[in-house]
């Protein structure tokens, strides 16, 4: 039926009482992965084309909603600071990616059922 169409799924997490406003989505998850790769919030933000202040805002907002730190950060001077994911941050990141994969699979199955079937 829709041979050139596909379902596009973006997973966002919103907290109860947050009026549906997400506290975590693809950008936040990509930032956590970039921090994990670079060991630095500023470098992670630069690699993503995100402002440093926005990166900090996203991290602080996520940690506020989760009520635990997802990163350990040490401010730097001339050489720059360091950052790494906490154990809780790593678990959160892994769970999000598994949940996202499950959501995409389910959405693809439903898309195929409703649009690709005869």
PDB file of N, CA and C in Angstrom:
ATOM      1  N   UNK A   1       0.817  -1.202   0.000  1.00  0.00           N
ATOM      2  CA  UNK A   1       0.000   0.000   0.000  1.00  0.00           C
ATOM      3  C   UNK A   1       0.857   1.261   0.000  1.00  0.00           C
ATOM      4  N   UNK A   2       1.742   1.360   0.964  1.00  0.00           N
ATOM      5  CA  UNK A   2       2.636   2.522   1.057  1.00  0.00           C
ATOM      6  C   UNK A   2       4.066   2.026   0.831  1.00  0.00           C
ATOM      7  N   UNK A   3       4.363   1.642  -0.362  1.00  0.00           N
ATOM      8  CA  UNK A   3       5.637   0.984  -0.629  1.00  0.00           C
ATOM      9  C   UNK A   3       6.858   1.864  -0.356  1.00  0.00           C
ATOM     10  N   UNK A   4       6.703   3.171  -0.429  1.00  0.00           N
ATOM     11  CA  UNK A   4       7.843   4.061  -0.203  1.00  0.00           C
ATOM     12  C   UNK A   4       7.839   4.708   1.177  1.00  0.00           C
ATOM     13  N   UNK A   5       6.948   4.274   2.044  1.00  0.00           N
ATOM     14  CA  UNK A   5       6.829   4.883   3.372  1.00  0.00           C
ATOM     15  C   UNK A   5       7.454   3.979   4.427  1.00  0.00           C
ATOM     16  N   UNK A   6       7.789   4.579   5.525  1.00  0.00           N
ATOM     17  CA  UNK A   6       8.290   3.831   6.675  1.00  0.00           C
ATOM     18  C   UNK A   6       7.871   4.534   7.949  1.00  0.00           C
ATOM     19  N   UNK A   7       7.824   3.796   9.023  1.00  0.00           N
ATOM     20  CA  UNK A   7       7.519   4.382  10.326  1.00  0.00           C
ATOM     21  C   UNK A   7       8.809   4.944  10.911  1.00  0.00           C
ATOM     22  N   UNK A   8       8.734   6.137  11.476  1.00  0.00           N
ATOM     23  CA  UNK A   8       9.883   6.757  12.139  1.00  0.00           C
ATOM     24  C   UNK A   8       9.513   6.934  13.608  1.00  0.00           C
ATOM     25  N   UNK A   9      10.303   6.361  14.472  1.00  0.00           N
ATOM     26  CA  UNK A   9      10.005   6.376  15.896  1.00  0.00           C
ATOM     27  C   UNK A   9      11.126   7.083  16.650  1.00  0.00           C
ATOM     28  N   UNK A  10      10.742   8.046  17.471  1.00  0.00           N
ATOM     29  CA  UNK A  10      11.675   8.693  18.389  1.00  0.00           C
ATOM     30  C   UNK A  10      11.110   8.499  19.791  1.00  0.00           C
ATOM     31  N   UNK A  11      11.921   7.965  20.671  1.00  0.00           N
ATOM     32  CA  UNK A  11      11.467   7.642  22.020  1.00  0.00           C
ATOM     33  C   UNK A  11      11.864   8.758  22.977  1.00  0.00           C
ATOM     34  N   UNK A  12      10.862   9.282  23.673  1.00  0.00           N
ATOM     35  CA  UNK A  12      11.061  10.291  24.696  1.00  0.00           C
ATOM     36  C   UNK A  12      10.506   9.766  26.010  1.00  0.00           C
ATOM     37  N   UNK A  13      11.131  10.148  27.113  1.00  0.00           N
ATOM     38  CA  UNK A  13      10.638   9.792  28.434  1.00  0.00           C
ATOM     39  C   UNK A  13      10.137  11.058  29.119  1.00  0.00           C
ATOM     40  N   UNK A  14       8.947  10.967  29.687  1.00  0.00           N
ATOM     41  CA  UNK A  14       8.364  12.097  30.406  1.00  0.00           C
ATOM     42  C   UNK A  14       7.944  11.615  31.787  1.00  0.00           C
ATOM     43  N   UNK A  15       8.117  12.468  32.771  1.00  0.00           N
ATOM     44  CA  UNK A  15       7.776  12.106  34.141  1.00  0.00           C
ATOM     45  C   UNK A  15       6.333  12.488  34.452  1.00  0.00           C
ATOM     46  N   UNK A  16       5.676  11.703  35.301  1.00  0.00           N
ATOM     47  CA  UNK A  16       4.349  12.095  35.753  1.00  0.00           C
ATOM     48  C   UNK A  16       4.420  13.469  36.403  1.00  0.00           C
ATOM     49  N   UNK A  17       3.439  14.276  36.159  1.00  0.00           N
ATOM     50  CA  UNK A  17       3.434  15.616  36.728  1.00  0.00           C
ATOM     51  C   UNK A  17       4.244  16.598  35.912  1.00  0.00           C
ATOM     52  N   UNK A  18       4.932  16.112  34.884  1.00  0.00           N
ATOM     53  CA  UNK A  18       5.732  16.980  34.031  1.00  0.00           C
ATOM     54  C   UNK A  18       4.936  17.531  32.865  1.00  0.00           C
ATOM     55  N   UNK A  19       3.640  17.341  32.886  1.00  0.00           N
ATOM     56  CA  UNK A  19       2.724  17.807  31.842  1.00  0.00           C
ATOM     57  C   UNK A  19       3.144  17.321  30.449  1.00  0.00           C
ATOM     58  N   UNK A  20       3.686  16.114  30.419  1.00  0.00           N
ATOM     59  CA  UNK A  20       4.072  15.524  29.150  1.00  0.00           C
ATOM     60  C   UNK A  20       5.383  16.026  28.575  1.00  0.00           C
ATOM     61  N   UNK A  21       6.007  16.963  29.265  1.00  0.00           N
ATOM     62  CA  UNK A  21       7.276  17.492  28.774  1.00  0.00           C
ATOM     63  C   UNK A  21       8.383  16.452  28.994  1.00  0.00           C
ATOM     64  N   UNK A  22       9.081  16.055  27.922  1.00  0.00           N
ATOM     65  CA  UNK A  22      10.114  15.025  28.076  1.00  0.00           C
ATOM     66  C   UNK A  22      11.319  15.523  28.861  1.00  0.00           C
ATOM     67  N   UNK A  23      11.881  14.613  29.651  1.00  0.00           N
ATOM     68  CA  UNK A  23      13.132  14.922  30.341  1.00  0.00           C
ATOM     69  C   UNK A  23      14.283  14.167  29.693  1.00  0.00           C
ATOM     70  N   UNK A  24      13.954  13.270  28.764  1.00  0.00           N
ATOM     71  CA  UNK A  24      14.998  12.513  28.085  1.00  0.00           C
ATOM     72  C   UNK A  24      14.491  12.070  26.720  1.00  0.00           C
ATOM     73  N   UNK A  25      15.371  12.212  25.737  1.00  0.00           N
ATOM     74  CA  UNK A  25      15.045  11.785  24.387  1.00  0.00           C
ATOM     75  C   UNK A  25      16.319  11.464  23.635  1.00  0.00           C
ATOM     76  N   UNK A  26      16.230  11.348  22.325  1.00  0.00           N
ATOM     77  CA  UNK A  26      17.396  10.979  21.526  1.00  0.00           C
ATOM     78  C   UNK A  26      18.607  11.902  21.705  1.00  0.00           C
ATOM     79  N   UNK A  27      18.374  13.202  21.815  1.00  0.00           N
ATOM     80  CA  UNK A  27      19.491  14.132  21.999  1.00  0.00           C
ATOM     81  C   UNK A  27      20.223  13.903  23.305  1.00  0.00           C
ATOM     82  N   UNK A  28      19.467  13.678  24.376  1.00  0.00           N
ATOM     83  CA  UNK A  28      20.073  13.433  25.691  1.00  0.00           C
ATOM     84  C   UNK A  28      20.869  12.132  25.666  1.00  0.00           C
ATOM     85  N   UNK A  29      20.309  11.120  25.059  1.00  0.00           N
ATOM     86  CA  UNK A  29      20.992   9.825  24.990  1.00  0.00           C
ATOM     87  C   UNK A  29      22.268   9.940  24.156  1.00  0.00           C
ATOM     88  N   UNK A  30      22.186  10.663  23.047  1.00  0.00           N
ATOM     89  CA  UNK A  30      23.391  10.872  22.227  1.00  0.00           C
ATOM     90  C   UNK A  30      24.456  11.640  23.002  1.00  0.00           C
ATOM     91  N   UNK A  31      24.021  12.593  23.829  1.00  0.00           N
ATOM     92  CA  UNK A  31      24.974  13.344  24.653  1.00  0.00           C
ATOM     93  C   UNK A  31      25.654  12.417  25.657  1.00  0.00           C
ATOM     94  N   UNK A  32      24.887  11.563  26.312  1.00  0.00           N
ATOM     95  CA  UNK A  32      25.486  10.621  27.268  1.00  0.00           C
ATOM     96  C   UNK A  32      26.500   9.712  26.568  1.00  0.00           C
ATOM     97  N   UNK A  33      26.161   9.236  25.388  1.00  0.00           N
ATOM     98  CA  UNK A  33      27.097   8.382  24.655  1.00  0.00           C
ATOM     99  C   UNK A  33      28.346   9.159  24.248  1.00  0.00           C
ATOM    100  N   UNK A  34      28.171  10.411  23.850  1.00  0.00           N
ATOM    101  CA  UNK A  34      29.318  11.232  23.462  1.00  0.00           C
ATOM    102  C   UNK A  34      30.216  11.528  24.659  1.00  0.00           C
ATOM    103  N   UNK A  35      29.623  11.758  25.818  1.00  0.00           N
ATOM    104  CA  UNK A  35      30.417  11.963  27.043  1.00  0.00           C
ATOM    105  C   UNK A  35      31.198  10.696  27.353  1.00  0.00           C
ATOM    106  N   UNK A  36      30.539   9.568  27.219  1.00  0.00           N
ATOM    107  CA  UNK A  36      31.190   8.292  27.481  1.00  0.00           C
ATOM    108  C   UNK A  36      32.372   8.075  26.537  1.00  0.00           C
ATOM    109  N   UNK A  37      32.240   8.506  25.298  1.00  0.00           N
ATOM    110  CA  UNK A  37      33.303   8.331  24.304  1.00  0.00           C
ATOM    111  C   UNK A  37      34.449   9.320  24.490  1.00  0.00           C
ATOM    112  N   UNK A  38      34.112  10.583  24.773  1.00  0.00           N
ATOM    113  CA  UNK A  38      35.147  11.626  24.821  1.00  0.00           C
ATOM    114  C   UNK A  38      35.723  11.848  26.211  1.00  0.00           C
ATOM    115  N   UNK A  39      34.950  11.532  27.249  1.00  0.00           N
ATOM    116  CA  UNK A  39      35.402  11.798  28.614  1.00  0.00           C
ATOM    117  C   UNK A  39      35.352  13.278  28.972  1.00  0.00           C
ATOM    118  N   UNK A  40      34.569  14.048  28.199  1.00  0.00           N
ATOM    119  CA  UNK A  40      34.539  15.485  28.404  1.00  0.00           C
ATOM    120  C   UNK A  40      33.205  16.042  27.901  1.00  0.00           C
ATOM    121  N   UNK A  41      32.536  16.838  28.745  1.00  0.00           N
ATOM    122  CA  UNK A  41      31.237  17.391  28.362  1.00  0.00           C
ATOM    123  C   UNK A  41      31.394  18.387  27.212  1.00  0.00           C
ATOM    124  N   UNK A  42      32.380  19.254  27.297  1.00  0.00           N
ATOM    125  CA  UNK A  42      32.572  20.258  26.243  1.00  0.00           C
ATOM    126  C   UNK A  42      32.841  19.598  24.886  1.00  0.00           C
ATOM    127  N   UNK A  43      33.728  18.608  24.861  1.00  0.00           N
ATOM    128  CA  UNK A  43      34.036  17.921  23.603  1.00  0.00           C
ATOM    129  C   UNK A  43      32.811  17.181  23.078  1.00  0.00           C
ATOM    130  N   UNK A  44      32.065  16.561  23.979  1.00  0.00           N
ATOM    131  CA  UNK A  44      30.855  15.850  23.571  1.00  0.00           C
ATOM    132  C   UNK A  44      29.872  16.810  22.918  1.00  0.00           C
ATOM    133  N   UNK A  45      29.679  17.965  23.526  1.00  0.00           N
ATOM    134  CA  UNK A  45      28.770  18.970  22.974  1.00  0.00           C
ATOM    135  C   UNK A  45      29.269  19.461  21.621  1.00  0.00           C
ATOM    136  N   UNK A  46      30.550  19.751  21.520  1.00  0.00           N
ATOM    137  CA  UNK A  46      31.122  20.220  20.255  1.00  0.00           C
ATOM    138  C   UNK A  46      30.931  19.187  19.150  1.00  0.00           C
ATOM    139  N   UNK A  47      31.170  17.916  19.462  1.00  0.00           N
ATOM    140  CA  UNK A  47      31.018  16.848  18.473  1.00  0.00           C
ATOM    141  C   UNK A  47      29.581  16.739  17.977  1.00  0.00           C
ATOM    142  N   UNK A  48      28.647  17.118  18.829  1.00  0.00           N
ATOM    143  CA  UNK A  48      27.233  17.026  18.472  1.00  0.00           C
ATOM    144  C   UNK A  48      26.702  18.313  17.857  1.00  0.00           C
ATOM    145  N   UNK A  49      27.498  19.366  17.879  1.00  0.00           N
ATOM    146  CA  UNK A  49      27.016  20.658  17.400  1.00  0.00           C
ATOM    147  C   UNK A  49      26.050  21.297  18.376  1.00  0.00           C
ATOM    148  N   UNK A  50      26.216  20.989  19.640  1.00  0.00           N
ATOM    149  CA  UNK A  50      25.355  21.494  20.708  1.00  0.00           C
ATOM    150  C   UNK A  50      26.147  22.487  21.551  1.00  0.00           C
ATOM    151  N   UNK A  51      25.484  23.532  22.005  1.00  0.00           N
ATOM    152  CA  UNK A  51      26.184  24.477  22.865  1.00  0.00           C
ATOM    153  C   UNK A  51      26.498  23.817  24.204  1.00  0.00           C
ATOM    154  N   UNK A  52      27.602  24.235  24.771  1.00  0.00           N
ATOM    155  CA  UNK A  52      28.038  23.710  26.071  1.00  0.00           C
ATOM    156  C   UNK A  52      26.986  23.992  27.137  1.00  0.00           C
ATOM    157  N   UNK A  53      26.410  25.184  27.106  1.00  0.00           N
ATOM    158  CA  UNK A  53      25.396  25.528  28.111  1.00  0.00           C
ATOM    159  C   UNK A  53      24.150  24.666  27.960  1.00  0.00           C
ATOM    160  N   UNK A  54      23.770  24.342  26.733  1.00  0.00           N
ATOM    161  CA  UNK A  54      22.613  23.462  26.529  1.00  0.00           C
ATOM    162  C   UNK A  54      22.918  22.063  27.045  1.00  0.00           C
ATOM    163  N   UNK A  55      24.131  21.576  26.801  1.00  0.00           N
ATOM    164  CA  UNK A  55      24.533  20.265  27.310  1.00  0.00           C
ATOM    165  C   UNK A  55      24.430  20.180  28.814  1.00  0.00           C
ATOM    166  N   UNK A  56      24.932  21.201  29.502  1.00  0.00           N
ATOM    167  CA  UNK A  56      24.849  21.244  30.962  1.00  0.00           C
ATOM    168  C   UNK A  56      23.399  21.285  31.419  1.00  0.00           C
ATOM    169  N   UNK A  57      22.595  22.072  30.720  1.00  0.00           N
ATOM    170  CA  UNK A  57      21.178  22.181  31.077  1.00  0.00           C
ATOM    171  C   UNK A  57      20.484  20.825  30.940  1.00  0.00           C
ATOM    172  N   UNK A  58      20.754  20.130  29.851  1.00  0.00           N
ATOM    173  CA  UNK A  58      20.165  18.809  29.649  1.00  0.00           C
ATOM    174  C   UNK A  58      20.596  17.830  30.734  1.00  0.00           C
ATOM    175  N   UNK A  59      21.884  17.816  31.051  1.00  0.00           N
ATOM    176  CA  UNK A  59      22.387  16.912  32.096  1.00  0.00           C
ATOM    177  C   UNK A  59      21.764  17.216  33.449  1.00  0.00           C
ATOM    178  N   UNK A  60      21.729  18.486  33.810  1.00  0.00           N
ATOM    179  CA  UNK A  60      21.160  18.860  35.098  1.00  0.00           C
ATOM    180  C   UNK A  60      19.676  18.519  35.176  1.00  0.00           C
ATOM    181  N   UNK A  61      18.950  18.736  34.077  1.00  0.00           N
ATOM    182  CA  UNK A  61      17.531  18.424  34.053  1.00  0.00           C
ATOM    183  C   UNK A  61      17.303  16.914  34.187  1.00  0.00           C
ATOM    184  N   UNK A  62      18.091  16.118  33.463  1.00  0.00           N
ATOM    185  CA  UNK A  62      17.962  14.664  33.554  1.00  0.00           C
ATOM    186  C   UNK A  62      18.221  14.184  34.971  1.00  0.00           C
ATOM    187  N   UNK A  63      19.298  14.668  35.569  1.00  0.00           N
ATOM    188  CA  UNK A  63      19.642  14.238  36.927  1.00  0.00           C
ATOM    189  C   UNK A  63      18.592  14.686  37.935  1.00  0.00           C
ATOM    190  N   UNK A  64      17.978  15.823  37.698  1.00  0.00           N
ATOM    191  CA  UNK A  64      16.898  16.294  38.576  1.00  0.00           C
ATOM    192  C   UNK A  64      15.721  15.326  38.513  1.00  0.00           C
ATOM    193  N   UNK A  65      15.316  14.943  37.307  1.00  0.00           N
ATOM    194  CA  UNK A  65      14.175  14.041  37.145  1.00  0.00           C
ATOM    195  C   UNK A  65      14.469  12.646  37.672  1.00  0.00           C
ATOM    196  N   UNK A  66      15.689  12.164  37.468  1.00  0.00           N
ATOM    197  CA  UNK A  66      16.039  10.817  37.909  1.00  0.00           C
ATOM    198  C   UNK A  66      16.359  10.760  39.396  1.00  0.00           C
ATOM    199  N   UNK A  67      16.738  11.874  39.974  1.00  0.00           N
ATOM    200  CA  UNK A  67      17.132  11.963  41.391  1.00  0.00           C
ATOM    201  C   UNK A  67      18.418  11.194  41.693  1.00  0.00           C
ATOM    202  N   UNK A  68      19.262  11.059  40.677  1.00  0.00           N
ATOM    203  CA  UNK A  68      20.602  10.504  40.887  1.00  0.00           C
ATOM    204  C   UNK A  68      21.506  10.994  39.764  1.00  0.00           C
ATOM    205  N   UNK A  69      22.801  11.055  40.040  1.00  0.00           N
ATOM    206  CA  UNK A  69      23.727  11.538  39.003  1.00  0.00           C
ATOM    207  C   UNK A  69      23.964  10.483  37.927  1.00  0.00           C
ATOM    208  N   UNK A  70      23.994  10.924  36.686  1.00  0.00           N
ATOM    209  CA  UNK A  70      24.323  10.030  35.573  1.00  0.00           C
ATOM    210  C   UNK A  70      25.759  10.247  35.114  1.00  0.00           C
ATOM    211  N   UNK A  71      26.358  11.341  35.552  1.00  0.00           N
ATOM    212  CA  UNK A  71      27.748  11.614  35.210  1.00  0.00           C
ATOM    213  C   UNK A  71      28.512  12.045  36.455  1.00  0.00           C
ATOM    214  N   UNK A  72      29.802  11.790  36.427  1.00  0.00           N
ATOM    215  CA  UNK A  72      30.733  12.344  37.406  1.00  0.00           C
ATOM    216  C   UNK A  72      31.556  13.347  36.623  1.00  0.00           C
ATOM    217  N   UNK A  73      31.549  14.596  37.081  1.00  0.00           N
ATOM    218  CA  UNK A  73      32.237  15.649  36.332  1.00  0.00           C
ATOM    219  C   UNK A  73      33.257  16.335  37.230  1.00  0.00           C
ATOM    220  N   UNK A  74      34.390  16.623  36.630  1.00  0.00           N
ATOM    221  CA  UNK A  74      35.424  17.388  37.317  1.00  0.00           C
ATOM    222  C   UNK A  74      35.741  18.573  36.440  1.00  0.00           C
ATOM    223  N   UNK A  75      35.504  19.759  36.978  1.00  0.00           N
ATOM    224  CA  UNK A  75      35.793  20.968  36.209  1.00  0.00           C
ATOM    225  C   UNK A  75      37.282  21.074  35.967  1.00  0.00           C
ATOM    226  N   UNK A  76      37.603  21.593  34.815  1.00  0.00           N
ATOM    227  CA  UNK A  76      39.005  21.726  34.453  1.00  0.00           C
ATOM    228  C   UNK A  76      39.389  23.168  34.277  1.00  0.00           C
ATOM    229  N   UNK A  77      40.619  23.369  34.168  1.00  0.00           N
ATOM    230  CA  UNK A  77      41.156  24.695  33.886  1.00  0.00           C
ATOM    231  C   UNK A  77      41.646  24.713  32.460  1.00  0.00           C
ATOM    232  N   UNK A  78      42.926  24.925  32.318  1.00  0.00           N
ATOM    233  CA  UNK A  78      43.519  25.028  30.985  1.00  0.00           C
ATOM    234  C   UNK A  78      43.375  23.752  30.170  1.00  0.00           C
ATOM    235  N   UNK A  79      43.547  22.621  30.808  1.00  0.00           N
ATOM    236  CA  UNK A  79      43.479  21.344  30.092  1.00  0.00           C
ATOM    237  C   UNK A  79      42.071  20.837  29.884  1.00  0.00           C
ATOM    238  N   UNK A  80      41.109  21.484  30.469  1.00  0.00           N
ATOM    239  CA  UNK A  80      39.724  21.040  30.351  1.00  0.00           C
ATOM    240  C   UNK A  80      39.352  20.082  31.451  1.00  0.00           C
ATOM    241  N   UNK A  81      38.080  19.873  31.606  1.00  0.00           N
ATOM    242  CA  UNK A  81      37.591  18.986  32.651  1.00  0.00           C
ATOM    243  C   UNK A  81      37.458  17.553  32.157  1.00  0.00           C
ATOM    244  N   UNK A  82      36.984  16.741  33.047  1.00  0.00           N
ATOM    245  CA  UNK A  82      36.760  15.340  32.730  1.00  0.00           C
ATOM    246  C   UNK A  82      35.341  14.986  33.121  1.00  0.00           C
ATOM    247  N   UNK A  83      34.790  14.018  32.436  1.00  0.00           N
ATOM    248  CA  UNK A  83      33.462  13.526  32.769  1.00  0.00           C
ATOM    249  C   UNK A  83      33.375  12.058  32.378  1.00  0.00           C
ATOM    250  N   UNK A  84      32.602  11.339  33.140  1.00  0.00           N
ATOM    251  CA  UNK A  84      32.341   9.945  32.792  1.00  0.00           C
ATOM    252  C   UNK A  84      30.967   9.586  33.331  1.00  0.00           C
ATOM    253  N   UNK A  85      30.389   8.562  32.762  1.00  0.00           N
ATOM    254  CA  UNK A  85      29.090   8.117  33.244  1.00  0.00           C
ATOM    255  C   UNK A  85      29.261   7.353  34.541  1.00  0.00           C
ATOM    256  N   UNK A  86      28.328   7.583  35.446  1.00  0.00           N
ATOM    257  CA  UNK A  86      28.295   6.795  36.678  1.00  0.00           C
ATOM    258  C   UNK A  86      27.767   5.404  36.328  1.00  0.00           C
ATOM    259  N   UNK A  87      27.879   4.474  37.262  1.00  0.00           N
ATOM    260  CA  UNK A  87      27.306   3.141  37.040  1.00  0.00           C
ATOM    261  C   UNK A  87      25.810   3.255  36.756  1.00  0.00           C
ATOM    262  N   UNK A  88      25.128   4.137  37.511  1.00  0.00           N
ATOM    263  CA  UNK A  88      23.693   4.347  37.294  1.00  0.00           C
ATOM    264  C   UNK A  88      23.434   4.932  35.913  1.00  0.00           C
ATOM    265  N   UNK A  89      24.326   5.824  35.468  1.00  0.00           N
ATOM    266  CA  UNK A  89      24.201   6.421  34.146  1.00  0.00           C
ATOM    267  C   UNK A  89      24.356   5.392  33.046  1.00  0.00           C
ATOM    268  N   UNK A  90      25.294   4.480  33.213  1.00  0.00           N
ATOM    269  CA  UNK A  90      25.503   3.413  32.233  1.00  0.00           C
ATOM    270  C   UNK A  90      24.277   2.505  32.161  1.00  0.00           C
ATOM    271  N   UNK A  91      23.738   2.145  33.321  1.00  0.00           N
ATOM    272  CA  UNK A  91      22.540   1.299  33.364  1.00  0.00           C
ATOM    273  C   UNK A  91      21.365   2.020  32.707  1.00  0.00           C
ATOM    274  N   UNK A  92      21.192   3.306  33.025  1.00  0.00           N
ATOM    275  CA  UNK A  92      20.107   4.085  32.429  1.00  0.00           C
ATOM    276  C   UNK A  92      20.242   4.110  30.906  1.00  0.00           C
ATOM    277  N   UNK A  93      21.426   4.375  30.422  1.00  0.00           N
ATOM    278  CA  UNK A  93      21.689   4.440  28.982  1.00  0.00           C
ATOM    279  C   UNK A  93      21.382   3.102  28.308  1.00  0.00           C
ATOM    280  N   UNK A  94      21.845   2.010  28.885  1.00  0.00           N
ATOM    281  CA  UNK A  94      21.609   0.681  28.317  1.00  0.00           C
ATOM    282  C   UNK A  94      20.113   0.356  28.296  1.00  0.00           C
ATOM    283  N   UNK A  95      19.420   0.655  29.387  1.00  0.00           N
ATOM    284  CA  UNK A  95      17.980   0.376  29.443  1.00  0.00           C
ATOM    285  C   UNK A  95      17.225   1.192  28.400  1.00  0.00           C
ATOM    286  N   UNK A  96      17.600   2.442  28.232  1.00  0.00           N
ATOM    287  CA  UNK A  96      16.947   3.281  27.226  1.00  0.00           C
ATOM    288  C   UNK A  96      17.134   2.665  25.838  1.00  0.00           C
ATOM    289  N   UNK A  97      18.356   2.267  25.502  1.00  0.00           N
ATOM    290  CA  UNK A  97      18.633   1.717  24.173  1.00  0.00           C
ATOM    291  C   UNK A  97      17.860   0.411  23.935  1.00  0.00           C
ATOM    292  N   UNK A  98      17.745  -0.433  24.948  1.00  0.00           N
ATOM    293  CA  UNK A  98      16.967  -1.669  24.804  1.00  0.00           C
ATOM    294  C   UNK A  98      15.481  -1.327  24.629  1.00  0.00           C
ATOM    295  N   UNK A  99      14.979  -0.409  25.439  1.00  0.00           N
ATOM    296  CA  UNK A  99      13.585   0.020  25.324  1.00  0.00           C
ATOM    297  C   UNK A  99      13.322   0.623  23.951  1.00  0.00           C
ATOM    298  N   UNK A 100      14.227   1.460  23.480  1.00  0.00           N
ATOM    299  CA  UNK A 100      14.090   2.087  22.170  1.00  0.00           C
ATOM    300  C   UNK A 100      14.046   1.027  21.058  1.00  0.00           C
ATOM    301  N   UNK A 101      14.909   0.039  21.140  1.00  0.00           N
ATOM    302  CA  UNK A 101      14.927  -1.039  20.156  1.00  0.00           C
ATOM    303  C   UNK A 101      13.608  -1.796  20.160  1.00  0.00           C
ATOM    304  N   UNK A 102      13.096  -2.097  21.354  1.00  0.00           N
ATOM    305  CA  UNK A 102      11.809  -2.787  21.460  1.00  0.00           C
ATOM    306  C   UNK A 102      10.677  -1.943  20.881  1.00  0.00           C
ATOM    307  N   UNK A 103      10.705  -0.630  21.136  1.00  0.00           N
ATOM    308  CA  UNK A 103       9.673   0.260  20.594  1.00  0.00           C
ATOM    309  C   UNK A 103       9.729   0.291  19.075  1.00  0.00           C
ATOM    310  N   UNK A 104      10.923   0.361  18.519  1.00  0.00           N
ATOM    311  CA  UNK A 104      11.072   0.382  17.059  1.00  0.00           C
ATOM    312  C   UNK A 104      10.579  -0.920  16.428  1.00  0.00           C
ATOM    313  N   UNK A 105      10.905  -2.044  17.057  1.00  0.00           N
ATOM    314  CA  UNK A 105      10.465  -3.326  16.528  1.00  0.00           C
ATOM    315  C   UNK A 105       8.943  -3.416  16.559  1.00  0.00           C
ATOM    316  N   UNK A 106       8.352  -3.036  17.672  1.00  0.00           N
ATOM    317  CA  UNK A 106       6.897  -3.077  17.796  1.00  0.00           C
ATOM    318  C   UNK A 106       6.242  -2.150  16.782  1.00  0.00           C
ATOM    319  N   UNK A 107       6.787  -0.958  16.627  1.00  0.00           N
ATOM    320  CA  UNK A 107       6.230  -0.005  15.665  1.00  0.00           C
ATOM    321  C   UNK A 107       6.344  -0.538  14.239  1.00  0.00           C
ATOM    322  N   UNK A 108       7.467  -1.167  13.903  1.00  0.00           N
ATOM    323  CA  UNK A 108       7.635  -1.738  12.570  1.00  0.00           C
ATOM    324  C   UNK A 108       6.625  -2.858  12.334  1.00  0.00           C
ATOM    325  N   UNK A 109       6.435  -3.707  13.343  1.00  0.00           N
ATOM    326  CA  UNK A 109       5.446  -4.777  13.231  1.00  0.00           C
ATOM    327  C   UNK A 109       4.052  -4.200  12.994  1.00  0.00           C
ATOM    328  N   UNK A 110       3.697  -3.167  13.741  1.00  0.00           N
ATOM    329  CA  UNK A 110       2.381  -2.540  13.577  1.00  0.00           C
ATOM    330  C   UNK A 110       2.260  -1.833  12.230  1.00  0.00           C
ATOM    331  N   UNK A 111       3.318  -1.181  11.808  1.00  0.00           N
ATOM    332  CA  UNK A 111       3.307  -0.521  10.508  1.00  0.00           C
ATOM    333  C   UNK A 111       3.064  -1.552   9.402  1.00  0.00           C
ATOM    334  N   UNK A 112       3.809  -2.637   9.477  1.00  0.00           N
ATOM    335  CA  UNK A 112       3.644  -3.686   8.465  1.00  0.00           C
ATOM    336  C   UNK A 112       2.242  -4.275   8.505  1.00  0.00           C
ATOM    337  N   UNK A 113       1.691  -4.450   9.682  1.00  0.00           N
ATOM    338  CA  UNK A 113       0.335  -4.992   9.830  1.00  0.00           C
ATOM    339  C   UNK A 113      -0.692  -4.066   9.180  1.00  0.00           C
ATOM    340  N   UNK A 114      -0.553  -2.772   9.404  1.00  0.00           N
ATOM    341  CA  UNK A 114      -1.574  -1.822   8.951  1.00  0.00           C
ATOM    342  C   UNK A 114      -1.340  -1.267   7.549  1.00  0.00           C
ATOM    343  N   UNK A 115      -0.100  -1.200   7.114  1.00  0.00           N
ATOM    344  CA  UNK A 115       0.178  -0.552   5.831  1.00  0.00           C
ATOM    345  C   UNK A 115       0.807  -1.461   4.780  1.00  0.00           C
ATOM    346  N   UNK A 116       1.531  -2.471   5.196  1.00  0.00           N
ATOM    347  CA  UNK A 116       2.200  -3.322   4.209  1.00  0.00           C
ATOM    348  C   UNK A 116       1.386  -4.572   3.882  1.00  0.00           C
ATOM    349  N   UNK A 117       0.414  -4.862   4.740  1.00  0.00           N
ATOM    350  CA  UNK A 117      -0.405  -6.051   4.518  1.00  0.00           C
ATOM    351  C   UNK A 117      -1.403  -5.862   3.379  1.00  0.00           C
ATOM    352  N   UNK A 118      -1.966  -6.936   2.953  1.00  0.00           N
ATOM    353  CA  UNK A 118      -2.930  -6.875   1.839  1.00  0.00           C
ATOM    354  C   UNK A 118      -4.348  -6.914   2.335  1.00  0.00           C
TER     355      UNK A 118
END
